[in-house]
Amino acid sequence: MKVPIRFGRGEVQIEIPDENLGGILKMNPVSPIDDPVSAVYTALRRPIKTPPLSELARGKSSACVVISDITRPVPNRIILPPILETLEKSGISRGRITILIATGIHRPNLGEELEELVGEEIMHNYRIVNHYSGKPETHLYLGKTKRGTPVYLDRTYLEADLKILTGLIEPHLMAGFSGGRKSICPGISSVETMKYAHGPMLLEDERAAPGILEGNPFHEEATEVAMMAGVDFILNVTIDEKRRITGVFAGDLVGAHLAGVRFCERAVKVVVDEPADIVVTSSAGYPLDTTFYQAIKGAVGVLDVVKPGGTIILIAECSEGIGSEPFTKLMIETKDLDKFIRDLYDLDKFVVDQWQFEELVKVLRKAEVYCYSTGIDYETLKELFVVPLRSPQEGLDRALGKHGSRARVYAVPEGPYVLPMVRR
């Protein structure tokens, strides 16, 4: 059977023998909202566990609206106009509204990328600023969390009178699910904060994994950081495979986010009876597969449904290459994975983005990873601890040769947007 796998802005086909195909693991059917703009207005008027946004905005002198960066397919052109209109009608002048891009430790979104993110009208009519995690002067110190994480957050957000978060709820490789508190940590946190919040003491915990909130130390830490920052209102959405809005969840930081998580969980969780020898997956195409750094999420997302010693075939365009300069340098120069993990516990050896390499090591502890990419050359892929491929089909043929003619294969075309799990 030919199975289409998301790749960049399109897809690639891979032929999986019917006798080997254990299943195509996709989102469960959820109807998209017919009129998403009206749904956003309704959510603003009737939020979860908070007064309406118009009431919260009344009497406030300024507002900061946090949005996700270009690596997340958040439908900003749908959700932002109702929020901005509500703020202005409630008495906050346009000049006192700031849209803050929660880049985390990613690069800023500028020019055409910014227009793609918010649309031409918003880009030209509102103050939009990027978060820069590496600029200490743009952060304020709030103290330490119970676990000892020093909290430095973007001062633009902290100095606003009204604080609003927006985002997308989807499975997340460390936080369980994205959205809510993640707009703060890592979204607008300093690199000094993320040394701890993305440190091995949290991420090496087996509960810091996709689909898990209860007992997840990173989720707990990010929530505490967000509480320290203060959040007046959130608006998160869920989407389907065609990036259409399926749910809108607004209001309280914890309450609205949890409602969205429960809805998302029903849509994305796919339960199988047993793990497979081979899993073919992606990083859900653009914008998540623009770098190898982001593409790692696709491999982590299927870890529960691959057998120990199995093979994951990761298909990702990586149009922008490996990732940030520190991440690229770290991966290329690392030769000993055990030493790399040991060094994570030494803050003097901290490297920006090291946590994503750590996530790849988690995968490699259980399975071999083959990788097909057109944005990273074949020889360079060899330096990234994966087996490079000339084509997706080559990967499947080699994996079947390794695991035998009766090997079970799962295909996950949408990669990390799906939450595949073995029945327990």
Foldseek 3Di string as FASTA:
>chain_A
DWDWFAAAPGTDIADDDPLFAPEAAFWDDFDFDPQLLVQLLVCQCPADPAHRPLVVLAPFAAEEEEEEAFLALDPQQRNVVSNLVSNVVSPHDQARYEYEYQQLQADDQDDPRVCVVHNDVCVVRHHYYYAHQAPQVQWDWLQADPVGQTWTFGVSQLPGRAYEYEEEWFWDAFQQIDDQLVCTVSRGTHVSRCLPLLFCVQRVPPQRGHNHHVPRVSNVRSVRSDVSSDHFKYWYFYAHLVRGTRDIHMGDRPRSVVVRSVVLCNGFEDEDAAAFLEEEHELQHPPQQLALLSGLQLLRQCLQRHAFAGEYEYEYANQVYHGDPQVLVVLLPDDDVVVLSVCSVPSVPDTPSSSSLVSSVVSVNGYAYEYEYPNYDQVSVVSRRHHYDPDSNVVVVVRCVVPHPSTHYYYHSRGRRHRYHYDD
